[in-house]
PDB file of N, CA and C in Angstrom:
ATOM      1  N   MET A   1       0.835  -1.177   0.000  1.00  0.00           N
ATOM      2  CA  MET A   1       0.000   0.000   0.000  1.00  0.00           C
ATOM      3  C   MET A   1       0.882   1.244   0.000  1.00  0.00           C
ATOM      4  N   VAL A   2       0.596   2.174  -0.872  1.00  0.00           N
ATOM      5  CA  VAL A   2       1.385   3.400  -0.984  1.00  0.00           C
ATOM      6  C   VAL A   2       0.657   4.510  -0.245  1.00  0.00           C
ATOM      7  N   ARG A   3       1.382   5.204   0.601  1.00  0.00           N
ATOM      8  CA  ARG A   3       0.808   6.320   1.343  1.00  0.00           C
ATOM      9  C   ARG A   3       1.804   7.459   1.407  1.00  0.00           C
ATOM     10  N   LEU A   4       1.286   8.669   1.380  1.00  0.00           N
ATOM     11  CA  LEU A   4       2.121   9.844   1.578  1.00  0.00           C
ATOM     12  C   LEU A   4       2.285  10.018   3.080  1.00  0.00           C
ATOM     13  N   ARG A   5       3.519   9.882   3.567  1.00  0.00           N
ATOM     14  CA  ARG A   5       3.774   9.920   5.000  1.00  0.00           C
ATOM     15  C   ARG A   5       4.928  10.847   5.315  1.00  0.00           C
ATOM     16  N   LYS A   6       4.923  11.335   6.535  1.00  0.00           N
ATOM     17  CA  LYS A   6       6.022  12.183   6.991  1.00  0.00           C
ATOM     18  C   LYS A   6       7.134  11.290   7.530  1.00  0.00           C
ATOM     19  N   ILE A   7       8.330  11.494   7.001  1.00  0.00           N
ATOM     20  CA  ILE A   7       9.498  10.769   7.487  1.00  0.00           C
ATOM     21  C   ILE A   7      10.559  11.789   7.879  1.00  0.00           C
ATOM     22  N   VAL A   8      11.537  11.328   8.644  1.00  0.00           N
ATOM     23  CA  VAL A   8      12.658  12.169   9.061  1.00  0.00           C
ATOM     24  C   VAL A   8      13.926  11.574   8.480  1.00  0.00           C
ATOM     25  N   LEU A   9      14.642  12.367   7.697  1.00  0.00           N
ATOM     26  CA  LEU A   9      15.942  11.965   7.166  1.00  0.00           C
ATOM     27  C   LEU A   9      16.997  12.385   8.174  1.00  0.00           C
ATOM     28  N   ARG A  10      17.670  11.410   8.768  1.00  0.00           N
ATOM     29  CA  ARG A  10      18.686  11.687   9.784  1.00  0.00           C
ATOM     30  C   ARG A  10      20.064  11.534   9.165  1.00  0.00           C
ATOM     31  N   SER A  11      20.854  12.601   9.217  1.00  0.00           N
ATOM     32  CA  SER A  11      22.191  12.611   8.623  1.00  0.00           C
ATOM     33  C   SER A  11      23.239  12.866   9.686  1.00  0.00           C
ATOM     34  N   LYS A  12      24.397  12.255   9.504  1.00  0.00           N
ATOM     35  CA  LYS A  12      25.546  12.517  10.369  1.00  0.00           C
ATOM     36  C   LYS A  12      26.433  13.538   9.676  1.00  0.00           C
ATOM     37  N   ILE A  13      26.725  14.627  10.357  1.00  0.00           N
ATOM     38  CA  ILE A  13      27.617  15.656   9.825  1.00  0.00           C
ATOM     39  C   ILE A  13      28.925  15.557  10.593  1.00  0.00           C
ATOM     40  N   ILE A  14      29.980  15.159   9.911  1.00  0.00           N
ATOM     41  CA  ILE A  14      31.278  14.936  10.558  1.00  0.00           C
ATOM     42  C   ILE A  14      31.980  16.268  10.752  1.00  0.00           C
ATOM     43  N   ASN A  15      32.582  16.455  11.933  1.00  0.00           N
ATOM     44  CA  ASN A  15      33.223  17.713  12.308  1.00  0.00           C
ATOM     45  C   ASN A  15      34.726  17.676  12.087  1.00  0.00           C
ATOM     46  N   ASN A  16      35.185  17.235  10.928  1.00  0.00           N
ATOM     47  CA  ASN A  16      36.628  17.156  10.713  1.00  0.00           C
ATOM     48  C   ASN A  16      37.122  18.203   9.726  1.00  0.00           C
ATOM     49  N   ASP A  17      36.512  19.390   9.732  1.00  0.00           N
ATOM     50  CA  ASP A  17      36.961  20.449   8.836  1.00  0.00           C
ATOM     51  C   ASP A  17      38.356  20.949   9.183  1.00  0.00           C
ATOM     52  N   ILE A  18      38.635  21.101  10.477  1.00  0.00           N
ATOM     53  CA  ILE A  18      39.923  21.638  10.913  1.00  0.00           C
ATOM     54  C   ILE A  18      40.925  20.519  11.203  1.00  0.00           C
ATOM     55  N   ASP A  19      40.492  19.527  11.954  1.00  0.00           N
ATOM     56  CA  ASP A  19      41.364  18.430  12.357  1.00  0.00           C
ATOM     57  C   ASP A  19      40.880  17.147  11.696  1.00  0.00           C
ATOM     58  N   SER A  20      41.700  16.550  10.846  1.00  0.00           N
ATOM     59  CA  SER A  20      41.287  15.346  10.120  1.00  0.00           C
ATOM     60  C   SER A  20      41.171  14.131  11.029  1.00  0.00           C
ATOM     61  N   LEU A  21      41.699  14.195  12.255  1.00  0.00           N
ATOM     62  CA  LEU A  21      41.605  13.079  13.187  1.00  0.00           C
ATOM     63  C   LEU A  21      40.383  13.188  14.100  1.00  0.00           C
ATOM     64  N   ASP A  22      39.621  14.244  13.951  1.00  0.00           N
ATOM     65  CA  ASP A  22      38.432  14.455  14.766  1.00  0.00           C
ATOM     66  C   ASP A  22      37.302  13.557  14.266  1.00  0.00           C
ATOM     67  N   ASP A  23      36.845  12.621  15.114  1.00  0.00           N
ATOM     68  CA  ASP A  23      35.794  11.683  14.728  1.00  0.00           C
ATOM     69  C   ASP A  23      34.423  12.089  15.235  1.00  0.00           C
ATOM     70  N   SER A  24      34.297  13.255  15.809  1.00  0.00           N
ATOM     71  CA  SER A  24      33.001  13.655  16.344  1.00  0.00           C
ATOM     72  C   SER A  24      32.056  14.054  15.217  1.00  0.00           C
ATOM     73  N   TYR A  25      30.770  13.976  15.500  1.00  0.00           N
ATOM     74  CA  TYR A  25      29.773  14.315  14.491  1.00  0.00           C
ATOM     75  C   TYR A  25      28.530  14.880  15.161  1.00  0.00           C
ATOM     76  N   ASN A  26      27.751  15.589  14.381  1.00  0.00           N
ATOM     77  CA  ASN A  26      26.457  16.097  14.817  1.00  0.00           C
ATOM     78  C   ASN A  26      25.379  15.388  14.016  1.00  0.00           C
ATOM     79  N   ILE A  27      24.190  15.302  14.599  1.00  0.00           N
ATOM     80  CA  ILE A  27      23.051  14.695  13.927  1.00  0.00           C
ATOM     81  C   ILE A  27      22.147  15.809  13.406  1.00  0.00           C
ATOM     82  N   SER A  28      21.766  15.709  12.143  1.00  0.00           N
ATOM     83  CA  SER A  28      20.872  16.679  11.526  1.00  0.00           C
ATOM     84  C   SER A  28      19.612  15.950  11.058  1.00  0.00           C
ATOM     85  N   ASP A  29      18.450  16.429  11.491  1.00  0.00           N
ATOM     86  CA  ASP A  29      17.177  15.833  11.097  1.00  0.00           C
ATOM     87  C   ASP A  29      16.445  16.749  10.128  1.00  0.00           C
ATOM     88  N   THR A  30      15.925  16.183   9.046  1.00  0.00           N
ATOM     89  CA  THR A  30      15.149  16.916   8.060  1.00  0.00           C
ATOM     90  C   THR A  30      13.836  16.178   7.840  1.00  0.00           C
ATOM     91  N   GLU A  31      12.730  16.860   8.104  1.00  0.00           N
ATOM     92  CA  GLU A  31      11.421  16.253   7.874  1.00  0.00           C
ATOM     93  C   GLU A  31      11.010  16.466   6.423  1.00  0.00           C
ATOM     94  N   CYS A  32      10.405  15.445   5.839  1.00  0.00           N
ATOM     95  CA  CYS A  32       9.881  15.572   4.485  1.00  0.00           C
ATOM     96  C   CYS A  32       8.748  14.572   4.297  1.00  0.00           C
ATOM     97  N   PHE A  33       8.012  14.748   3.223  1.00  0.00           N
ATOM     98  CA  PHE A  33       6.946  13.820   2.887  1.00  0.00           C
ATOM     99  C   PHE A  33       7.428  12.909   1.774  1.00  0.00           C
ATOM    100  N   ALA A  34       7.030  11.636   1.868  1.00  0.00           N
ATOM    101  CA  ALA A  34       7.443  10.654   0.874  1.00  0.00           C
ATOM    102  C   ALA A  34       6.327   9.641   0.668  1.00  0.00           C
ATOM    103  N   HIS A  35       6.309   9.051  -0.503  1.00  0.00           N
ATOM    104  CA  HIS A  35       5.429   7.914  -0.753  1.00  0.00           C
ATOM    105  C   HIS A  35       6.145   6.691  -0.191  1.00  0.00           C
ATOM    106  N   VAL A  36       5.600   6.105   0.851  1.00  0.00           N
ATOM    107  CA  VAL A  36       6.227   4.975   1.525  1.00  0.00           C
ATOM    108  C   VAL A  36       5.459   3.709   1.179  1.00  0.00           C
ATOM    109  N   THR A  37       6.192   2.707   0.686  1.00  0.00           N
ATOM    110  CA  THR A  37       5.612   1.429   0.318  1.00  0.00           C
ATOM    111  C   THR A  37       6.311   0.332   1.112  1.00  0.00           C
ATOM    112  N   ALA A  38       5.541  -0.538   1.740  1.00  0.00           N
ATOM    113  CA  ALA A  38       6.104  -1.698   2.425  1.00  0.00           C
ATOM    114  C   ALA A  38       6.310  -2.810   1.408  1.00  0.00           C
ATOM    115  N   VAL A  39       7.486  -3.434   1.437  1.00  0.00           N
ATOM    116  CA  VAL A  39       7.798  -4.535   0.531  1.00  0.00           C
ATOM    117  C   VAL A  39       7.669  -5.822   1.330  1.00  0.00           C
ATOM    118  N   SER A  40       6.678  -6.611   1.003  1.00  0.00           N
ATOM    119  CA  SER A  40       6.494  -7.871   1.715  1.00  0.00           C
ATOM    120  C   SER A  40       6.734  -9.019   0.749  1.00  0.00           C
ATOM    121  N   GLY A  41       7.144 -10.111   1.295  1.00  0.00           N
ATOM    122  CA  GLY A  41       7.420 -11.278   0.473  1.00  0.00           C
ATOM    123  C   GLY A  41       8.902 -11.499   0.292  1.00  0.00           C
ATOM    124  N   TYR A  42       9.308 -12.724   0.491  1.00  0.00           N
ATOM    125  CA  TYR A  42      10.713 -13.114   0.408  1.00  0.00           C
ATOM    126  C   TYR A  42      11.302 -12.805  -0.964  1.00  0.00           C
ATOM    127  N   GLN A  43      10.636 -13.243  -2.031  1.00  0.00           N
ATOM    128  CA  GLN A  43      11.193 -13.095  -3.375  1.00  0.00           C
ATOM    129  C   GLN A  43      11.257 -11.636  -3.806  1.00  0.00           C
ATOM    130  N   ALA A  44      10.277 -10.841  -3.420  1.00  0.00           N
ATOM    131  CA  ALA A  44      10.286  -9.415  -3.772  1.00  0.00           C
ATOM    132  C   ALA A  44      11.473  -8.707  -3.126  1.00  0.00           C
ATOM    133  N   GLN A  45      11.761  -9.029  -1.863  1.00  0.00           N
ATOM    134  CA  GLN A  45      12.906  -8.416  -1.178  1.00  0.00           C
ATOM    135  C   GLN A  45      14.222  -8.866  -1.790  1.00  0.00           C
ATOM    136  N   ILE A  46      14.332 -10.142  -2.135  1.00  0.00           N
ATOM    137  CA  ILE A  46      15.548 -10.652  -2.778  1.00  0.00           C
ATOM    138  C   ILE A  46      15.767  -9.949  -4.115  1.00  0.00           C
ATOM    139  N   ASN A  47      14.704  -9.774  -4.890  1.00  0.00           N
ATOM    140  CA  ASN A  47      14.830  -9.126  -6.203  1.00  0.00           C
ATOM    141  C   ASN A  47      15.241  -7.661  -6.074  1.00  0.00           C
ATOM    142  N   LEU A  48      14.783  -6.967  -5.032  1.00  0.00           N
ATOM    143  CA  LEU A  48      15.088  -5.543  -4.885  1.00  0.00           C
ATOM    144  C   LEU A  48      16.475  -5.286  -4.305  1.00  0.00           C
ATOM    145  N   VAL A  49      16.812  -5.907  -3.177  1.00  0.00           N
ATOM    146  CA  VAL A  49      18.045  -5.552  -2.479  1.00  0.00           C
ATOM    147  C   VAL A  49      18.996  -6.712  -2.238  1.00  0.00           C
ATOM    148  N   GLY A  50      18.626  -7.926  -2.621  1.00  0.00           N
ATOM    149  CA  GLY A  50      19.567  -9.033  -2.544  1.00  0.00           C
ATOM    150  C   GLY A  50      19.500  -9.877  -1.294  1.00  0.00           C
ATOM    151  N   LYS A  51      18.707  -9.515  -0.302  1.00  0.00           N
ATOM    152  CA  LYS A  51      18.527 -10.374   0.866  1.00  0.00           C
ATOM    153  C   LYS A  51      17.214 -10.037   1.555  1.00  0.00           C
ATOM    154  N   GLN A  52      16.843 -10.885   2.505  1.00  0.00           N
ATOM    155  CA  GLN A  52      15.564 -10.722   3.182  1.00  0.00           C
ATOM    156  C   GLN A  52      15.733  -9.927   4.466  1.00  0.00           C
ATOM    157  N   TYR A  53      14.770  -9.054   4.733  1.00  0.00           N
ATOM    158  CA  TYR A  53      14.763  -8.236   5.932  1.00  0.00           C
ATOM    159  C   TYR A  53      13.489  -8.499   6.716  1.00  0.00           C
ATOM    160  N   GLU A  54      13.526  -8.185   8.017  1.00  0.00           N
ATOM    161  CA  GLU A  54      12.326  -8.293   8.840  1.00  0.00           C
ATOM    162  C   GLU A  54      11.222  -7.424   8.269  1.00  0.00           C
ATOM    163  N   SER A  55      11.553  -6.172   8.023  1.00  0.00           N
ATOM    164  CA  SER A  55      10.620  -5.255   7.375  1.00  0.00           C
ATOM    165  C   SER A  55      11.426  -4.388   6.415  1.00  0.00           C
ATOM    166  N   LEU A  56      10.883  -4.190   5.234  1.00  0.00           N
ATOM    167  CA  LEU A  56      11.566  -3.430   4.195  1.00  0.00           C
ATOM    168  C   LEU A  56      10.577  -2.426   3.618  1.00  0.00           C
ATOM    169  N   PHE A  57      11.031  -1.191   3.460  1.00  0.00           N
ATOM    170  CA  PHE A  57      10.201  -0.118   2.937  1.00  0.00           C
ATOM    171  C   PHE A  57      10.942   0.592   1.819  1.00  0.00           C
ATOM    172  N   VAL A  58      10.175   1.221   0.929  1.00  0.00           N
ATOM    173  CA  VAL A  58      10.727   2.080  -0.103  1.00  0.00           C
ATOM    174  C   VAL A  58      10.090   3.450   0.066  1.00  0.00           C
ATOM    175  N   ALA A  59      10.923   4.488   0.190  1.00  0.00           N
ATOM    176  CA  ALA A  59      10.439   5.869   0.270  1.00  0.00           C
ATOM    177  C   ALA A  59      10.823   6.573  -1.018  1.00  0.00           C
ATOM    178  N   ARG A  60       9.831   7.114  -1.710  1.00  0.00           N
ATOM    179  CA  ARG A  60      10.071   7.867  -2.941  1.00  0.00           C
ATOM    180  C   ARG A  60       9.899   9.342  -2.621  1.00  0.00           C
ATOM    181  N   ILE A  61      11.007  10.093  -2.769  1.00  0.00           N
ATOM    182  CA  ILE A  61      11.053  11.489  -2.352  1.00  0.00           C
ATOM    183  C   ILE A  61      11.376  12.346  -3.565  1.00  0.00           C
ATOM    184  N   LYS A  62      10.734  13.492  -3.659  1.00  0.00           N
ATOM    185  CA  LYS A  62      11.058  14.436  -4.736  1.00  0.00           C
ATOM    186  C   LYS A  62      12.399  15.087  -4.427  1.00  0.00           C
ATOM    187  N   GLY A  63      13.230  15.214  -5.444  1.00  0.00           N
ATOM    188  CA  GLY A  63      14.514  15.877  -5.280  1.00  0.00           C
ATOM    189  C   GLY A  63      15.642  14.911  -4.991  1.00  0.00           C
ATOM    190  N   HIS A  64      16.828  15.463  -4.813  1.00  0.00           N
ATOM    191  CA  HIS A  64      18.057  14.722  -4.555  1.00  0.00           C
ATOM    192  C   HIS A  64      18.329  14.772  -3.064  1.00  0.00           C
ATOM    193  N   LYS A  65      18.148  13.670  -2.332  1.00  0.00           N
ATOM    194  CA  LYS A  65      18.264  13.638  -0.871  1.00  0.00           C
ATOM    195  C   LYS A  65      19.328  12.634  -0.449  1.00  0.00           C
ATOM    196  N   LYS A  66      19.942  12.910   0.703  1.00  0.00           N
ATOM    197  CA  LYS A  66      20.910  12.005   1.317  1.00  0.00           C
ATOM    198  C   LYS A  66      20.555  11.844   2.786  1.00  0.00           C
ATOM    199  N   ALA A  67      20.889  10.696   3.360  1.00  0.00           N
ATOM    200  CA  ALA A  67      20.634  10.456   4.781  1.00  0.00           C
ATOM    201  C   ALA A  67      21.449   9.255   5.244  1.00  0.00           C
ATOM    202  N   SER A  68      21.608   9.145   6.559  1.00  0.00           N
ATOM    203  CA  SER A  68      22.264   7.985   7.162  1.00  0.00           C
ATOM    204  C   SER A  68      21.240   6.996   7.695  1.00  0.00           C
ATOM    205  N   ASN A  69      20.153   7.506   8.251  1.00  0.00           N
ATOM    206  CA  ASN A  69      19.064   6.705   8.793  1.00  0.00           C
ATOM    207  C   ASN A  69      17.750   7.395   8.491  1.00  0.00           C
ATOM    208  N   ILE A  70      16.661   6.653   8.643  1.00  0.00           N
ATOM    209  CA  ILE A  70      15.320   7.213   8.459  1.00  0.00           C
ATOM    210  C   ILE A  70      14.490   6.900   9.692  1.00  0.00           C
ATOM    211  N   VAL A  71      13.733   7.892  10.136  1.00  0.00           N
ATOM    212  CA  VAL A  71      12.818   7.699  11.259  1.00  0.00           C
ATOM    213  C   VAL A  71      11.404   7.724  10.686  1.00  0.00           C
ATOM    214  N   LEU A  72      10.657   6.642  10.941  1.00  0.00           N
ATOM    215  CA  LEU A  72       9.279   6.503  10.494  1.00  0.00           C
ATOM    216  C   LEU A  72       8.464   5.982  11.667  1.00  0.00           C
ATOM    217  N   ASP A  73       7.435   6.710  12.045  1.00  0.00           N
ATOM    218  CA  ASP A  73       6.577   6.335  13.182  1.00  0.00           C
ATOM    219  C   ASP A  73       7.389   6.116  14.460  1.00  0.00           C
ATOM    220  N   ASP A  74       8.306   7.017  14.751  1.00  0.00           N
ATOM    221  CA  ASP A  74       9.154   7.004  15.955  1.00  0.00           C
ATOM    222  C   ASP A  74      10.070   5.784  16.040  1.00  0.00           C
ATOM    223  N   LYS A  75      10.325   5.109  14.929  1.00  0.00           N
ATOM    224  CA  LYS A  75      11.282   4.005  14.886  1.00  0.00           C
ATOM    225  C   LYS A  75      12.372   4.369  13.891  1.00  0.00           C
ATOM    226  N   GLU A  76      13.607   4.129  14.284  1.00  0.00           N
ATOM    227  CA  GLU A  76      14.730   4.448  13.411  1.00  0.00           C
ATOM    228  C   GLU A  76      15.132   3.204  12.617  1.00  0.00           C
ATOM    229  N   TYR A  77      15.273   3.378  11.311  1.00  0.00           N
ATOM    230  CA  TYR A  77      15.627   2.285  10.412  1.00  0.00           C
ATOM    231  C   TYR A  77      16.939   2.607   9.715  1.00  0.00           C
ATOM    232  N   GLU A  78      17.686   1.559   9.393  1.00  0.00           N
ATOM    233  CA  GLU A  78      18.915   1.755   8.635  1.00  0.00           C
ATOM    234  C   GLU A  78      18.596   1.848   7.148  1.00  0.00           C
ATOM    235  N   ILE A  79      19.398   2.609   6.450  1.00  0.00           N
ATOM    236  CA  ILE A  79      19.235   2.717   5.000  1.00  0.00           C
ATOM    237  C   ILE A  79      20.011   1.593   4.343  1.00  0.00           C
ATOM    238  N   ILE A  80      19.323   0.878   3.483  1.00  0.00           N
ATOM    239  CA  ILE A  80      19.920  -0.255   2.797  1.00  0.00           C
ATOM    240  C   ILE A  80      20.526   0.187   1.470  1.00  0.00           C
ATOM    241  N   GLN A  81      19.774   1.017   0.754  1.00  0.00           N
ATOM    242  CA  GLN A  81      20.232   1.434  -0.566  1.00  0.00           C
ATOM    243  C   GLN A  81      19.542   2.746  -0.949  1.00  0.00           C
ATOM    244  N   ILE A  82      20.269   3.589  -1.663  1.00  0.00           N
ATOM    245  CA  ILE A  82      19.702   4.833  -2.194  1.00  0.00           C
ATOM    246  C   ILE A  82      19.884   4.814  -3.710  1.00  0.00           C
ATOM    247  N   ARG A  83      18.785   5.081  -4.421  1.00  0.00           N
ATOM    248  CA  ARG A  83      18.844   5.141  -5.878  1.00  0.00           C
ATOM    249  C   ARG A  83      18.369   6.526  -6.314  1.00  0.00           C
ATOM    250  N   TYR A  84      19.200   7.182  -7.122  1.00  0.00           N
ATOM    251  CA  TYR A  84      18.875   8.511  -7.619  1.00  0.00           C
ATOM    252  C   TYR A  84      18.355   8.404  -9.047  1.00  0.00           C
ATOM    253  N   HIS A  85      17.282   9.124  -9.327  1.00  0.00           N
ATOM    254  CA  HIS A  85      16.702   9.167 -10.666  1.00  0.00           C
ATOM    255  C   HIS A  85      16.817  10.605 -11.160  1.00  0.00           C
ATOM    256  N   GLY A  86      17.995  10.927 -11.678  1.00  0.00           N
ATOM    257  CA  GLY A  86      18.265  12.297 -12.110  1.00  0.00           C
ATOM    258  C   GLY A  86      18.208  13.233 -10.916  1.00  0.00           C
ATOM    259  N   ILE A  87      17.684  14.420 -11.137  1.00  0.00           N
ATOM    260  CA  ILE A  87      17.542  15.363 -10.026  1.00  0.00           C
ATOM    261  C   ILE A  87      16.094  15.464  -9.572  1.00  0.00           C
ATOM    262  N   THR A  88      15.247  14.605 -10.135  1.00  0.00           N
ATOM    263  CA  THR A  88      13.822  14.732  -9.842  1.00  0.00           C
ATOM    264  C   THR A  88      13.326  13.838  -8.723  1.00  0.00           C
ATOM    265  N   ARG A  89      13.967  12.683  -8.494  1.00  0.00           N
ATOM    266  CA  ARG A  89      13.446  11.754  -7.504  1.00  0.00           C
ATOM    267  C   ARG A  89      14.549  10.914  -6.894  1.00  0.00           C
ATOM    268  N   THR A  90      14.362  10.581  -5.619  1.00  0.00           N
ATOM    269  CA  THR A  90      15.270   9.692  -4.902  1.00  0.00           C
ATOM    270  C   THR A  90      14.444   8.548  -4.325  1.00  0.00           C
ATOM    271  N   ASP A  91      14.889   7.318  -4.530  1.00  0.00           N
ATOM    272  CA  ASP A  91      14.274   6.147  -3.910  1.00  0.00           C
ATOM    273  C   ASP A  91      15.211   5.663  -2.819  1.00  0.00           C
ATOM    274  N   ILE A  92      14.696   5.584  -1.594  1.00  0.00           N
ATOM    275  CA  ILE A  92      15.491   5.125  -0.463  1.00  0.00           C
ATOM    276  C   ILE A  92      14.879   3.833   0.057  1.00  0.00           C
ATOM    277  N   TYR A  93      15.668   2.773   0.067  1.00  0.00           N
ATOM    278  CA  TYR A  93      15.249   1.479   0.595  1.00  0.00           C
ATOM    279  C   TYR A  93      15.762   1.390   2.029  1.00  0.00           C
ATOM    280  N   PHE A  94      14.851   1.159   2.973  1.00  0.00           N
ATOM    281  CA  PHE A  94      15.255   1.093   4.374  1.00  0.00           C
ATOM    282  C   PHE A  94      14.454   0.030   5.094  1.00  0.00           C
ATOM    283  N   GLY A  95      15.017  -0.451   6.219  1.00  0.00           N
ATOM    284  CA  GLY A  95      14.313  -1.476   6.985  1.00  0.00           C
ATOM    285  C   GLY A  95      15.129  -1.975   8.150  1.00  0.00           C
ATOM    286  N   ASN A  96      14.604  -3.009   8.795  1.00  0.00           N
ATOM    287  CA  ASN A  96      15.307  -3.683   9.892  1.00  0.00           C
ATOM    288  C   ASN A  96      16.251  -4.709   9.329  1.00  0.00           C
ATOM    289  N   LYS A  97      17.332  -4.951  10.056  1.00  0.00           N
ATOM    290  CA  LYS A  97      18.304  -5.930   9.602  1.00  0.00           C
ATOM    291  C   LYS A  97      17.674  -7.307   9.545  1.00  0.00           C
ATOM    292  N   GLY A  98      18.012  -8.012   8.492  1.00  0.00           N
ATOM    293  CA  GLY A  98      17.555  -9.391   8.348  1.00  0.00           C
ATOM    294  C   GLY A  98      18.741 -10.324   8.497  1.00  0.00           C
ATOM    295  N   SER A  99      18.526 -11.558   8.212  1.00  0.00           N
ATOM    296  CA  SER A  99      19.610 -12.528   8.329  1.00  0.00           C
ATOM    297  C   SER A  99      20.493 -12.455   7.088  1.00  0.00           C
ATOM    298  N   ASP A 100      21.780 -12.763   7.261  1.00  0.00           N
ATOM    299  CA  ASP A 100      22.726 -12.746   6.148  1.00  0.00           C
ATOM    300  C   ASP A 100      22.751 -14.068   5.395  1.00  0.00           C
ATOM    301  N   GLU A 101      22.012 -15.052   5.860  1.00  0.00           N
ATOM    302  CA  GLU A 101      22.055 -16.361   5.209  1.00  0.00           C
ATOM    303  C   GLU A 101      21.448 -16.331   3.806  1.00  0.00           C
ATOM    304  N   ASN A 102      20.606 -15.334   3.529  1.00  0.00           N
ATOM    305  CA  ASN A 102      19.979 -15.235   2.221  1.00  0.00           C
ATOM    306  C   ASN A 102      20.669 -14.245   1.295  1.00  0.00           C
ATOM    307  N   ALA A 103      21.827 -13.742   1.696  1.00  0.00           N
ATOM    308  CA  ALA A 103      22.529 -12.754   0.885  1.00  0.00           C
ATOM    309  C   ALA A 103      23.040 -13.379  -0.411  1.00  0.00           C
ATOM    310  N   LEU A 104      22.975 -12.619  -1.464  1.00  0.00           N
ATOM    311  CA  LEU A 104      23.482 -13.096  -2.737  1.00  0.00           C
ATOM    312  C   LEU A 104      24.961 -12.754  -2.851  1.00  0.00           C
ATOM    313  N   GLY A 105      25.723 -13.667  -3.400  1.00  0.00           N
ATOM    314  CA  GLY A 105      27.124 -13.414  -3.688  1.00  0.00           C
ATOM    315  C   GLY A 105      27.910 -13.260  -2.490  1.00  0.00           C
TER     316      GLY A 105
END
């Protein structure tokens, strides 16, 4: 089911402008609306990202976006893959970690 939902793009901004050995970072949150689709089914997940996850979602966002994590419904998910379609749309695949036993290659 496709729904327009509010998500939070969470990015890590590394503070190594002055000192290259500085590993500290700040977190930046950007709210945006996206068409969020849940991907269910073992074969569909394998075809899209190469392995099975507990829960897998696709967020389609207008524009060119980057993030480290996504927050949806107060739960933080890791980003699995980002696909850019020119400058008009970004598809972000995110979800919970699944088992590595189904990984391809």
